[in-house]
Amino acid sequence: MAVGTTITAAPAAFADTYCGQASSGAMVYAGNSDTSCEFAMSTAEAYWNHGNGSQPFSVYSQVTGRTYTMTCTDAGSVCQGGNNAVVYLRAG
């Protein structure tokens, strides 16, 4: 590589979008362009109301007016399901 050459990383296709803080205190992020912040926040609340486990649970989407099934990891850090939705929950 020549001296003075600049290396530029390719931009990510989608960066996590911070959506807000859930009532549990978790920071909530939409993980892809298929996930609205409204759905991400609803997922976070439903996850905590469901008991924080890895069992599937239902989440209502205010955007589509439909209910989707989501599943989170045991630690609750990643939730997936619905219509290709990805939600990240991080300690607040």
Protein backbone atom coordinates (compact mmCIF):
# COMPACT_ATOMS: atom_id res chain seq x y z
CA MET A 1 0.00 0.00 0.00
CA ALA A 2 1.36 3.37 -0.95
CA VAL A 3 2.16 5.98 1.67
CA GLY A 4 -0.70 8.42 2.01
CA THR A 5 -3.30 5.95 0.73
CA THR A 6 -6.62 6.34 2.48
CA ILE A 7 -8.63 3.24 3.27
CA THR A 8 -12.35 3.74 3.54
CA ALA A 9 -14.59 1.05 4.98
CA ALA A 10 -17.72 0.24 3.04
CA PRO A 11 -20.81 1.69 4.73
CA ALA A 12 -23.02 -0.75 6.58
CA ALA A 13 -26.25 -1.63 4.82
CA PHE A 14 -28.16 -0.64 7.96
CA ALA A 15 -26.93 0.62 11.30
CA ASP A 16 -28.88 -0.23 14.44
CA THR A 17 -31.35 2.54 15.15
CA TYR A 18 -31.77 3.61 18.75
CA CYS A 19 -35.50 3.69 19.51
CA GLY A 20 -35.66 4.57 23.19
CA GLN A 21 -35.62 3.14 26.69
CA ALA A 22 -38.12 0.47 27.69
CA SER A 23 -39.91 0.59 31.04
CA SER A 24 -37.52 -2.17 32.15
CA GLY A 25 -34.61 0.23 31.63
CA ALA A 26 -33.29 -1.60 28.57
CA MET A 27 -32.06 0.47 25.63
CA VAL A 28 -34.02 -0.64 22.55
CA TYR A 29 -32.68 -0.73 18.99
CA ALA A 30 -34.26 -1.66 15.65
CA GLY A 31 -31.76 -4.04 14.10
CA ASN A 32 -32.67 -3.74 10.41
CA SER A 33 -34.71 -1.75 7.94
CA ASP A 34 -37.65 -4.17 8.30
CA THR A 35 -38.08 -3.21 11.96
CA SER A 36 -39.82 0.00 12.96
CA CYS A 37 -39.00 1.67 16.25
CA GLU A 38 -42.64 1.29 17.25
CA PHE A 39 -42.37 -2.48 16.78
CA ALA A 40 -38.99 -2.61 18.54
CA MET A 41 -40.41 -0.81 21.57
CA SER A 42 -43.51 -3.04 21.59
CA THR A 43 -41.24 -6.10 21.42
CA ALA A 44 -39.22 -4.90 24.41
CA GLU A 45 -42.35 -4.34 26.50
CA ALA A 46 -43.89 -7.66 25.45
CA TYR A 47 -40.64 -9.48 26.22
CA TRP A 48 -40.55 -8.15 29.78
CA ASN A 49 -44.28 -8.75 30.29
CA HIS A 50 -43.87 -12.31 28.98
CA GLY A 51 -41.29 -13.16 31.64
CA ASN A 52 -37.93 -12.59 29.93
CA GLY A 53 -37.51 -16.16 28.69
CA SER A 54 -36.68 -17.68 25.35
CA GLN A 55 -40.25 -18.85 24.65
CA PRO A 56 -42.05 -17.28 21.66
CA PHE A 57 -44.44 -14.43 22.43
CA SER A 58 -46.84 -12.22 20.48
CA VAL A 59 -46.20 -8.59 19.59
CA TYR A 60 -48.70 -6.22 18.01
CA SER A 61 -47.37 -3.93 15.28
CA GLN A 62 -48.85 -0.44 15.23
CA VAL A 63 -47.44 0.00 11.72
CA THR A 64 -49.07 -3.03 10.05
CA GLY A 65 -51.96 -3.59 12.46
CA ARG A 66 -50.97 -7.27 12.73
CA THR A 67 -49.66 -9.47 15.53
CA TYR A 68 -46.36 -11.29 15.04
CA THR A 69 -44.47 -14.00 16.92
CA MET A 70 -41.07 -13.04 18.30
CA THR A 71 -38.41 -15.05 20.11
CA CYS A 72 -35.51 -13.68 22.14
CA THR A 73 -32.28 -15.24 23.31
CA ASP A 74 -32.20 -16.35 26.94
CA ALA A 75 -30.20 -13.28 27.83
CA GLY A 76 -32.73 -11.15 25.98
CA SER A 77 -30.14 -9.33 23.95
CA VAL A 78 -31.51 -10.23 20.50
CA CYS A 79 -35.12 -10.79 19.49
CA GLN A 80 -36.14 -12.02 16.05
CA GLY A 81 -39.28 -13.02 14.24
CA GLY A 82 -42.29 -11.32 12.78
CA ASN A 83 -41.73 -10.17 9.23
CA ASN A 84 -37.89 -10.39 9.34
CA ALA A 85 -37.77 -8.16 12.43
CA VAL A 86 -34.64 -7.85 14.56
CA VAL A 87 -34.63 -6.06 17.92
CA TYR A 88 -31.64 -5.52 20.20
CA LEU A 89 -32.12 -5.00 23.94
CA ARG A 90 -29.13 -3.64 25.81
CA ALA A 91 -28.66 -2.87 29.48
CA GLY A 92 -29.55 0.72 30.23
